[in-house]
């Protein structure tokens, strides 16, 4: 006579718990490396912007000096010119140089102003530190799941739930606050660059702002969707009766039928 599983009992599935534990460790390490890179960039951005602005200022100063020197050279040639045809040519050349607008480099201080505001810095620190804390927790839960500890399973469930909630909050803040702020900043920079180039109508700023807003919104939603894939899968796997039973079994005892307490 065939034997079945007694009603009210489930067969522990330690392989499922260990799979989630392994992937938790791998994903946590990868995300922590990414967060560490972003943290370094966030801290170093003001210094990088300042160095870039200084370099652009030196380039602009050199270009202006070369322009003035060229004007003086043409004036000297014009003063020394004897033939009328040569004078006419030099006058036209001088007029063209003087009418050419000075090259002005973009002002990165606008980016610094946005990234240095208390609200933006608070948002970035909350994003980075909350992500770091949750992924440290996911790493710890992964170790617990590999050892089939119930505390590791419960921690994993909490971490997955908090990750989804965090991603939802960050998505809303990004769409409602960060995207409009960055879109306005980008449009202002483009407006300044085209104005300095002598053609302020070269690019429709309204279209650029809308494009920036749409792209930022799409990226925020896409980040939420992709970032929630593993937490949702992990929640499903960790709340399965077999996974829970595997984590309740003592590691020193072989897996056996456990009461279905879920």
C-alpha atoms as a PDB file:
ATOM      1  CA  UNK A   1       0.000   0.000   0.000  1.00  0.00           C
ATOM      2  CA  UNK A   2       1.391   3.413  -0.956  1.00  0.00           C
ATOM      3  CA  UNK A   3       2.274   5.829   1.818  1.00  0.00           C
ATOM      4  CA  UNK A   4       1.245   9.475   1.629  1.00  0.00           C
ATOM      5  CA  UNK A   5       1.960  12.557   3.688  1.00  0.00           C
ATOM      6  CA  UNK A   6      -0.217  12.764   6.762  1.00  0.00           C
ATOM      7  CA  UNK A   7      -2.845  15.473   6.569  1.00  0.00           C
ATOM      8  CA  UNK A   8      -1.676  18.627   8.367  1.00  0.00           C
ATOM      9  CA  UNK A   9       2.010  17.846   7.820  1.00  0.00           C
ATOM     10  CA  UNK A  10       4.444  19.076   5.156  1.00  0.00           C
ATOM     11  CA  UNK A  11       7.732  17.740   3.849  1.00  0.00           C
ATOM     12  CA  UNK A  12      10.626  20.103   4.673  1.00  0.00           C
ATOM     13  CA  UNK A  13      12.427  21.468   1.596  1.00  0.00           C
ATOM     14  CA  UNK A  14      15.874  22.617   2.762  1.00  0.00           C
ATOM     15  CA  UNK A  15      17.075  23.007  -0.851  1.00  0.00           C
ATOM     16  CA  UNK A  16      14.646  25.883  -1.342  1.00  0.00           C
ATOM     17  CA  UNK A  17      15.816  27.646   1.818  1.00  0.00           C
ATOM     18  CA  UNK A  18      19.469  27.211   0.851  1.00  0.00           C
ATOM     19  CA  UNK A  19      18.786  28.486  -2.674  1.00  0.00           C
ATOM     20  CA  UNK A  20      17.236  31.671  -1.277  1.00  0.00           C
ATOM     21  CA  UNK A  21      20.124  31.980   1.172  1.00  0.00           C
ATOM     22  CA  UNK A  22      22.739  31.653  -1.560  1.00  0.00           C
ATOM     23  CA  UNK A  23      21.051  34.198  -3.818  1.00  0.00           C
ATOM     24  CA  UNK A  24      20.563  36.554  -0.865  1.00  0.00           C
ATOM     25  CA  UNK A  25      24.298  36.529  -0.214  1.00  0.00           C
ATOM     26  CA  UNK A  26      25.203  36.998  -3.895  1.00  0.00           C
ATOM     27  CA  UNK A  27      22.695  39.803  -4.516  1.00  0.00           C
ATOM     28  CA  UNK A  28      23.532  41.530  -1.234  1.00  0.00           C
ATOM     29  CA  UNK A  29      27.258  41.601  -2.030  1.00  0.00           C
ATOM     30  CA  UNK A  30      26.650  42.938  -5.549  1.00  0.00           C
ATOM     31  CA  UNK A  31      24.280  45.648  -4.357  1.00  0.00           C
ATOM     32  CA  UNK A  32      26.613  46.649  -1.506  1.00  0.00           C
ATOM     33  CA  UNK A  33      29.449  47.099  -4.016  1.00  0.00           C
ATOM     34  CA  UNK A  34      27.155  49.264  -6.140  1.00  0.00           C
ATOM     35  CA  UNK A  35      26.132  51.306  -3.081  1.00  0.00           C
ATOM     36  CA  UNK A  36      29.777  51.748  -2.066  1.00  0.00           C
ATOM     37  CA  UNK A  37      30.564  53.087  -5.559  1.00  0.00           C
ATOM     38  CA  UNK A  38      27.602  55.498  -5.443  1.00  0.00           C
ATOM     39  CA  UNK A  39      28.574  56.604  -1.947  1.00  0.00           C
ATOM     40  CA  UNK A  40      32.110  57.376  -3.103  1.00  0.00           C
ATOM     41  CA  UNK A  41      30.789  59.298  -6.118  1.00  0.00           C
ATOM     42  CA  UNK A  42      28.353  61.242  -3.931  1.00  0.00           C
ATOM     43  CA  UNK A  43      31.122  62.257  -1.539  1.00  0.00           C
ATOM     44  CA  UNK A  44      33.603  63.085  -4.319  1.00  0.00           C
ATOM     45  CA  UNK A  45      31.166  64.866  -6.675  1.00  0.00           C
ATOM     46  CA  UNK A  46      31.688  68.374  -5.176  1.00  0.00           C
ATOM     47  CA  UNK A  47      35.462  67.978  -5.529  1.00  0.00           C
ATOM     48  CA  UNK A  48      35.141  66.672  -9.104  1.00  0.00           C
ATOM     49  CA  UNK A  49      32.781  69.517 -10.041  1.00  0.00           C
ATOM     50  CA  UNK A  50      35.127  72.105  -8.554  1.00  0.00           C
ATOM     51  CA  UNK A  51      38.113  70.698 -10.445  1.00  0.00           C
ATOM     52  CA  UNK A  52      36.107  70.539 -13.681  1.00  0.00           C
ATOM     53  CA  UNK A  53      34.912  74.120 -13.265  1.00  0.00           C
ATOM     54  CA  UNK A  54      38.475  75.277 -12.628  1.00  0.00           C
ATOM     55  CA  UNK A  55      39.737  73.483 -15.743  1.00  0.00           C
ATOM     56  CA  UNK A  56      36.938  74.941 -17.867  1.00  0.00           C
ATOM     57  CA  UNK A  57      37.712  78.387 -16.479  1.00  0.00           C
ATOM     58  CA  UNK A  58      41.349  78.030 -17.510  1.00  0.00           C
ATOM     59  CA  UNK A  59      40.315  76.887 -20.997  1.00  0.00           C
ATOM     60  CA  UNK A  60      37.940  79.843 -21.326  1.00  0.00           C
ATOM     61  CA  UNK A  61      40.598  82.296 -20.125  1.00  0.00           C
ATOM     62  CA  UNK A  62      43.120  80.916 -22.623  1.00  0.00           C
ATOM     63  CA  UNK A  63      40.587  81.128 -25.460  1.00  0.00           C
ATOM     64  CA  UNK A  64      39.807  84.747 -24.563  1.00  0.00           C
ATOM     65  CA  UNK A  65      43.517  85.604 -24.382  1.00  0.00           C
ATOM     66  CA  UNK A  66      44.135  84.003 -27.789  1.00  0.00           C
ATOM     67  CA  UNK A  67      41.206  85.963 -29.207  1.00  0.00           C
ATOM     68  CA  UNK A  68      42.554  89.279 -27.897  1.00  0.00           C
ATOM     69  CA  UNK A  69      46.040  88.479 -29.189  1.00  0.00           C
ATOM     70  CA  UNK A  70      44.611  87.689 -32.607  1.00  0.00           C
ATOM     71  CA  UNK A  71      42.731  91.003 -32.641  1.00  0.00           C
ATOM     72  CA  UNK A  72      45.955  92.857 -31.828  1.00  0.00           C
ATOM     73  CA  UNK A  73      47.816  90.979 -34.562  1.00  0.00           C
ATOM     74  CA  UNK A  74      45.194  91.844 -37.183  1.00  0.00           C
ATOM     75  CA  UNK A  75      45.186  95.493 -36.074  1.00  0.00           C
ATOM     76  CA  UNK A  76      48.960  95.611 -36.395  1.00  0.00           C
ATOM     77  CA  UNK A  77      48.786  94.032 -39.859  1.00  0.00           C
ATOM     78  CA  UNK A  78      46.088  96.534 -40.805  1.00  0.00           C
ATOM     79  CA  UNK A  79      48.248  99.440 -39.686  1.00  0.00           C
ATOM     80  CA  UNK A  80      51.175  98.144 -41.721  1.00  0.00           C
ATOM     81  CA  UNK A  81      49.109  97.331 -44.822  1.00  0.00           C
ATOM     82  CA  UNK A  82      49.838  99.439 -47.910  1.00  0.00           C
ATOM     83  CA  UNK A  83      47.413  98.204 -50.528  1.00  0.00           C
ATOM     84  CA  UNK A  84      43.709  99.026 -50.306  1.00  0.00           C
ATOM     85  CA  UNK A  85      42.668  95.470 -51.120  1.00  0.00           C
ATOM     86  CA  UNK A  86      44.748  94.116 -48.249  1.00  0.00           C
ATOM     87  CA  UNK A  87      43.281  96.701 -45.872  1.00  0.00           C
ATOM     88  CA  UNK A  88      39.744  95.729 -46.877  1.00  0.00           C
ATOM     89  CA  UNK A  89      40.487  92.055 -46.255  1.00  0.00           C
ATOM     90  CA  UNK A  90      42.022  92.747 -42.848  1.00  0.00           C
ATOM     91  CA  UNK A  91      39.122  94.993 -41.836  1.00  0.00           C
ATOM     92  CA  UNK A  92      36.655  92.243 -42.692  1.00  0.00           C
ATOM     93  CA  UNK A  93      38.725  89.728 -40.759  1.00  0.00           C
ATOM     94  CA  UNK A  94      38.942  92.046 -37.755  1.00  0.00           C
ATOM     95  CA  UNK A  95      35.222  92.740 -37.867  1.00  0.00           C
ATOM     96  CA  UNK A  96      34.456  89.006 -37.966  1.00  0.00           C
ATOM     97  CA  UNK A  97      36.702  88.292 -34.971  1.00  0.00           C
ATOM     98  CA  UNK A  98      35.223  91.122 -32.894  1.00  0.00           C
ATOM     99  CA  UNK A  99      31.652  90.084 -33.687  1.00  0.00           C
ATOM    100  CA  UNK A 100      32.289  86.460 -32.753  1.00  0.00           C
ATOM    101  CA  UNK A 101      30.869  85.973 -29.237  1.00  0.00           C
ATOM    102  CA  UNK A 102      33.232  84.862 -26.524  1.00  0.00           C
ATOM    103  CA  UNK A 103      33.076  81.171 -25.706  1.00  0.00           C
ATOM    104  CA  UNK A 104      31.594  80.608 -22.264  1.00  0.00           C
ATOM    105  CA  UNK A 105      31.846  77.225 -20.631  1.00  0.00           C
ATOM    106  CA  UNK A 106      28.883  75.691 -18.773  1.00  0.00           C
ATOM    107  CA  UNK A 107      28.597  76.600 -15.112  1.00  0.00           C
ATOM    108  CA  UNK A 108      28.741  73.408 -13.068  1.00  0.00           C
ATOM    109  CA  UNK A 109      27.946  75.453  -9.986  1.00  0.00           C
ATOM    110  CA  UNK A 110      24.264  74.912 -10.833  1.00  0.00           C
ATOM    111  CA  UNK A 111      24.750  71.179 -10.372  1.00  0.00           C
ATOM    112  CA  UNK A 112      26.687  71.805  -7.174  1.00  0.00           C
ATOM    113  CA  UNK A 113      23.892  74.037  -5.913  1.00  0.00           C
ATOM    114  CA  UNK A 114      21.330  71.251  -6.372  1.00  0.00           C
ATOM    115  CA  UNK A 115      23.482  68.459  -4.956  1.00  0.00           C
ATOM    116  CA  UNK A 116      24.465  70.588  -1.961  1.00  0.00           C
ATOM    117  CA  UNK A 117      20.930  71.513  -0.887  1.00  0.00           C
ATOM    118  CA  UNK A 118      19.985  69.966   2.490  1.00  0.00           C
ATOM    119  CA  UNK A 119      16.918  68.256   1.033  1.00  0.00           C
ATOM    120  CA  UNK A 120      18.803  66.585  -1.808  1.00  0.00           C
ATOM    121  CA  UNK A 121      21.673  65.502   0.430  1.00  0.00           C
ATOM    122  CA  UNK A 122      19.239  64.101   2.998  1.00  0.00           C
ATOM    123  CA  UNK A 123      17.469  62.145   0.247  1.00  0.00           C
ATOM    124  CA  UNK A 124      20.748  60.739  -1.070  1.00  0.00           C
ATOM    125  CA  UNK A 125      21.990  59.757   2.385  1.00  0.00           C
ATOM    126  CA  UNK A 126      18.668  58.074   3.206  1.00  0.00           C
ATOM    127  CA  UNK A 127      18.750  56.224  -0.119  1.00  0.00           C
ATOM    128  CA  UNK A 128      22.321  54.993   0.274  1.00  0.00           C
ATOM    129  CA  UNK A 129      22.276  54.184   3.991  1.00  0.00           C
ATOM    130  CA  UNK A 130      18.868  52.491   3.954  1.00  0.00           C
ATOM    131  CA  UNK A 131      19.948  50.395   0.970  1.00  0.00           C
ATOM    132  CA  UNK A 132      23.201  49.489   2.721  1.00  0.00           C
ATOM    133  CA  UNK A 133      21.419  48.518   5.957  1.00  0.00           C
ATOM    134  CA  UNK A 134      18.832  46.350   4.193  1.00  0.00           C
ATOM    135  CA  UNK A 135      21.441  44.554   2.116  1.00  0.00           C
ATOM    136  CA  UNK A 136      23.569  43.870   5.174  1.00  0.00           C
ATOM    137  CA  UNK A 137      20.421  42.371   6.691  1.00  0.00           C
ATOM    138  CA  UNK A 138      19.831  40.332   3.531  1.00  0.00           C
ATOM    139  CA  UNK A 139      23.405  39.042   3.689  1.00  0.00           C
ATOM    140  CA  UNK A 140      22.917  37.975   7.316  1.00  0.00           C
ATOM    141  CA  UNK A 141      19.606  36.313   6.489  1.00  0.00           C
ATOM    142  CA  UNK A 142      21.335  34.464   3.655  1.00  0.00           C
ATOM    143  CA  UNK A 143      23.858  32.997   6.080  1.00  0.00           C
ATOM    144  CA  UNK A 144      21.022  32.000   8.414  1.00  0.00           C
ATOM    145  CA  UNK A 145      19.106  30.344   5.585  1.00  0.00           C
ATOM    146  CA  UNK A 146      22.162  28.363   4.505  1.00  0.00           C
ATOM    147  CA  UNK A 147      22.293  27.053   8.070  1.00  0.00           C
ATOM    148  CA  UNK A 148      18.502  26.458   7.981  1.00  0.00           C
ATOM    149  CA  UNK A 149      17.837  28.797  10.887  1.00  0.00           C
ATOM    150  CA  UNK A 150      14.281  29.994  11.487  1.00  0.00           C
ATOM    151  CA  UNK A 151      15.618  33.394  12.504  1.00  0.00           C
ATOM    152  CA  UNK A 152      17.293  33.658   9.108  1.00  0.00           C
ATOM    153  CA  UNK A 153      13.992  32.900   7.371  1.00  0.00           C
ATOM    154  CA  UNK A 154      12.052  35.444   9.439  1.00  0.00           C
ATOM    155  CA  UNK A 155      14.748  38.072   8.923  1.00  0.00           C
ATOM    156  CA  UNK A 156      14.635  37.392   5.187  1.00  0.00           C
ATOM    157  CA  UNK A 157      10.859  37.894   5.118  1.00  0.00           C
ATOM    158  CA  UNK A 158      11.178  41.219   6.955  1.00  0.00           C
ATOM    159  CA  UNK A 159      14.039  42.354   4.722  1.00  0.00           C
ATOM    160  CA  UNK A 160      12.122  41.528   1.539  1.00  0.00           C
ATOM    161  CA  UNK A 161       9.043  43.390   2.756  1.00  0.00           C
ATOM    162  CA  UNK A 162      11.081  46.438   3.789  1.00  0.00           C
ATOM    163  CA  UNK A 163      12.925  46.421   0.460  1.00  0.00           C
ATOM    164  CA  UNK A 164       9.660  46.615  -1.481  1.00  0.00           C
ATOM    165  CA  UNK A 165       8.367  49.405   0.785  1.00  0.00           C
ATOM    166  CA  UNK A 166      11.656  51.326   0.462  1.00  0.00           C
ATOM    167  CA  UNK A 167      11.637  51.048  -3.331  1.00  0.00           C
ATOM    168  CA  UNK A 168       8.042  52.299  -3.477  1.00  0.00           C
ATOM    169  CA  UNK A 169       8.865  55.321  -1.280  1.00  0.00           C
ATOM    170  CA  UNK A 170      12.003  56.159  -3.270  1.00  0.00           C
ATOM    171  CA  UNK A 171      10.070  55.873  -6.533  1.00  0.00           C
ATOM    172  CA  UNK A 172       7.450  58.365  -5.334  1.00  0.00           C
ATOM    173  CA  UNK A 173      10.056  60.826  -4.019  1.00  0.00           C
ATOM    174  CA  UNK A 174      12.015  60.554  -7.269  1.00  0.00           C
ATOM    175  CA  UNK A 175       8.955  61.198  -9.450  1.00  0.00           C
ATOM    176  CA  UNK A 176       7.453  63.984  -7.329  1.00  0.00           C
ATOM    177  CA  UNK A 177      10.599  65.836  -6.193  1.00  0.00           C
ATOM    178  CA  UNK A 178      13.882  64.750  -7.766  1.00  0.00           C
ATOM    179  CA  UNK A 179      12.767  64.483 -11.406  1.00  0.00           C
ATOM    180  CA  UNK A 180      11.245  68.017 -11.556  1.00  0.00           C
ATOM    181  CA  UNK A 181      14.330  69.437  -9.828  1.00  0.00           C
ATOM    182  CA  UNK A 182      16.830  67.737 -12.144  1.00  0.00           C
ATOM    183  CA  UNK A 183      14.747  68.528 -15.254  1.00  0.00           C
ATOM    184  CA  UNK A 184      14.724  72.231 -14.405  1.00  0.00           C
ATOM    185  CA  UNK A 185      18.456  72.179 -13.708  1.00  0.00           C
ATOM    186  CA  UNK A 186      19.229  70.476 -17.047  1.00  0.00           C
ATOM    187  CA  UNK A 187      16.997  72.887 -18.951  1.00  0.00           C
ATOM    188  CA  UNK A 188      18.684  75.872 -17.266  1.00  0.00           C
ATOM    189  CA  UNK A 189      22.125  74.557 -18.192  1.00  0.00           C
ATOM    190  CA  UNK A 190      21.124  73.972 -21.824  1.00  0.00           C
ATOM    191  CA  UNK A 191      19.555  77.429 -21.983  1.00  0.00           C
ATOM    192  CA  UNK A 192      22.762  78.986 -20.688  1.00  0.00           C
ATOM    193  CA  UNK A 193      24.940  77.000 -23.105  1.00  0.00           C
ATOM    194  CA  UNK A 194      22.852  77.882 -26.173  1.00  0.00           C
ATOM    195  CA  UNK A 195      22.682  81.507 -25.035  1.00  0.00           C
ATOM    196  CA  UNK A 196      26.462  81.642 -24.709  1.00  0.00           C
ATOM    197  CA  UNK A 197      26.749  80.101 -28.161  1.00  0.00           C
ATOM    198  CA  UNK A 198      24.789  83.024 -29.555  1.00  0.00           C
ATOM    199  CA  UNK A 199      21.662  81.056 -30.462  1.00  0.00           C
ATOM    200  CA  UNK A 200      19.258  80.902 -27.499  1.00  0.00           C
ATOM    201  CA  UNK A 201      16.497  79.363 -29.637  1.00  0.00           C
ATOM    202  CA  UNK A 202      18.652  76.478 -30.854  1.00  0.00           C
ATOM    203  CA  UNK A 203      16.937  73.973 -28.592  1.00  0.00           C
ATOM    204  CA  UNK A 204      13.337  74.012 -27.352  1.00  0.00           C
ATOM    205  CA  UNK A 205      13.750  74.070 -23.581  1.00  0.00           C
ATOM    206  CA  UNK A 206      10.169  73.067 -22.916  1.00  0.00           C
ATOM    207  CA  UNK A 207      10.621  69.897 -24.957  1.00  0.00           C
ATOM    208  CA  UNK A 208      13.836  69.083 -23.134  1.00  0.00           C
ATOM    209  CA  UNK A 209      12.239  69.526 -19.725  1.00  0.00           C
ATOM    210  CA  UNK A 210       9.362  67.247 -20.725  1.00  0.00           C
ATOM    211  CA  UNK A 211      11.760  64.648 -22.108  1.00  0.00           C
ATOM    212  CA  UNK A 212      13.815  64.741 -18.903  1.00  0.00           C
ATOM    213  CA  UNK A 213      10.673  64.361 -16.797  1.00  0.00           C
ATOM    214  CA  UNK A 214       9.371  61.429 -18.850  1.00  0.00           C
ATOM    215  CA  UNK A 215      12.751  59.679 -18.894  1.00  0.00           C
ATOM    216  CA  UNK A 216      13.227  60.199 -15.161  1.00  0.00           C
ATOM    217  CA  UNK A 217       9.744  58.894 -14.383  1.00  0.00           C
ATOM    218  CA  UNK A 218      10.211  55.825 -16.582  1.00  0.00           C
ATOM    219  CA  UNK A 219      13.568  55.077 -14.955  1.00  0.00           C
ATOM    220  CA  UNK A 220      12.073  55.441 -11.465  1.00  0.00           C
ATOM    221  CA  UNK A 221       9.201  53.061 -12.253  1.00  0.00           C
ATOM    222  CA  UNK A 222      11.549  50.628 -13.994  1.00  0.00           C
ATOM    223  CA  UNK A 223      13.874  50.700 -10.992  1.00  0.00           C
ATOM    224  CA  UNK A 224      10.969  49.862  -8.676  1.00  0.00           C
ATOM    225  CA  UNK A 225       9.765  46.997 -10.882  1.00  0.00           C
ATOM    226  CA  UNK A 226      13.196  45.426 -11.400  1.00  0.00           C
ATOM    227  CA  UNK A 227      14.245  45.991  -7.802  1.00  0.00           C
ATOM    228  CA  UNK A 228      11.093  44.288  -6.514  1.00  0.00           C
ATOM    229  CA  UNK A 229      11.473  41.101  -8.568  1.00  0.00           C
ATOM    230  CA  UNK A 230      13.769  39.228  -6.186  1.00  0.00           C
ATOM    231  CA  UNK A 231      12.087  40.431  -2.962  1.00  0.00           C
ATOM    232  CA  UNK A 232       8.708  39.237  -4.275  1.00  0.00           C
ATOM    233  CA  UNK A 233      10.130  35.872  -5.373  1.00  0.00           C
ATOM    234  CA  UNK A 234      11.981  35.565  -2.075  1.00  0.00           C
ATOM    235  CA  UNK A 235       8.832  36.304  -0.076  1.00  0.00           C
ATOM    236  CA  UNK A 236       6.940  33.598  -1.950  1.00  0.00           C
ATOM    237  CA  UNK A 237       9.708  31.034  -1.428  1.00  0.00           C
ATOM    238  CA  UNK A 238      10.312  31.821   2.250  1.00  0.00           C
ATOM    239  CA  UNK A 239       6.627  31.686   3.145  1.00  0.00           C
ATOM    240  CA  UNK A 240       6.115  28.269   1.571  1.00  0.00           C
ATOM    241  CA  UNK A 241       5.256  25.610   4.198  1.00  0.00           C
ATOM    242  CA  UNK A 242       8.126  23.368   3.093  1.00  0.00           C
ATOM    243  CA  UNK A 243      10.683  26.173   3.527  1.00  0.00           C
ATOM    244  CA  UNK A 244       9.315  27.052   6.951  1.00  0.00           C
ATOM    245  CA  UNK A 245       9.398  23.392   7.984  1.00  0.00           C
ATOM    246  CA  UNK A 246      13.005  23.035   6.811  1.00  0.00           C
ATOM    247  CA  UNK A 247      14.084  25.981   8.954  1.00  0.00           C
ATOM    248  CA  UNK A 248      12.306  24.554  12.024  1.00  0.00           C
ATOM    249  CA  UNK A 249      14.091  21.206  11.772  1.00  0.00           C
ATOM    250  CA  UNK A 250      17.168  20.901  13.987  1.00  0.00           C
ATOM    251  CA  UNK A 251      20.339  20.754  11.857  1.00  0.00           C
ATOM    252  CA  UNK A 252      21.486  17.719  13.870  1.00  0.00           C
ATOM    253  CA  UNK A 253      18.397  15.727  12.896  1.00  0.00           C
ATOM    254  CA  UNK A 254      17.398  14.412   9.477  1.00  0.00           C
ATOM    255  CA  UNK A 255      14.538  16.182   7.700  1.00  0.00           C
ATOM    256  CA  UNK A 256      11.169  14.712   8.596  1.00  0.00           C
ATOM    257  CA  UNK A 257       7.522  15.545   8.355  1.00  0.00           C
ATOM    258  CA  UNK A 258       6.694  18.704  10.266  1.00  0.00           C
ATOM    259  CA  UNK A 259       3.310  20.068  11.330  1.00  0.00           C
ATOM    260  CA  UNK A 260       1.934  22.610   8.883  1.00  0.00           C
ATOM    261  CA  UNK A 261       1.827  25.629  11.205  1.00  0.00           C
ATOM    262  CA  UNK A 262       1.202  28.184   8.469  1.00  0.00           C
END
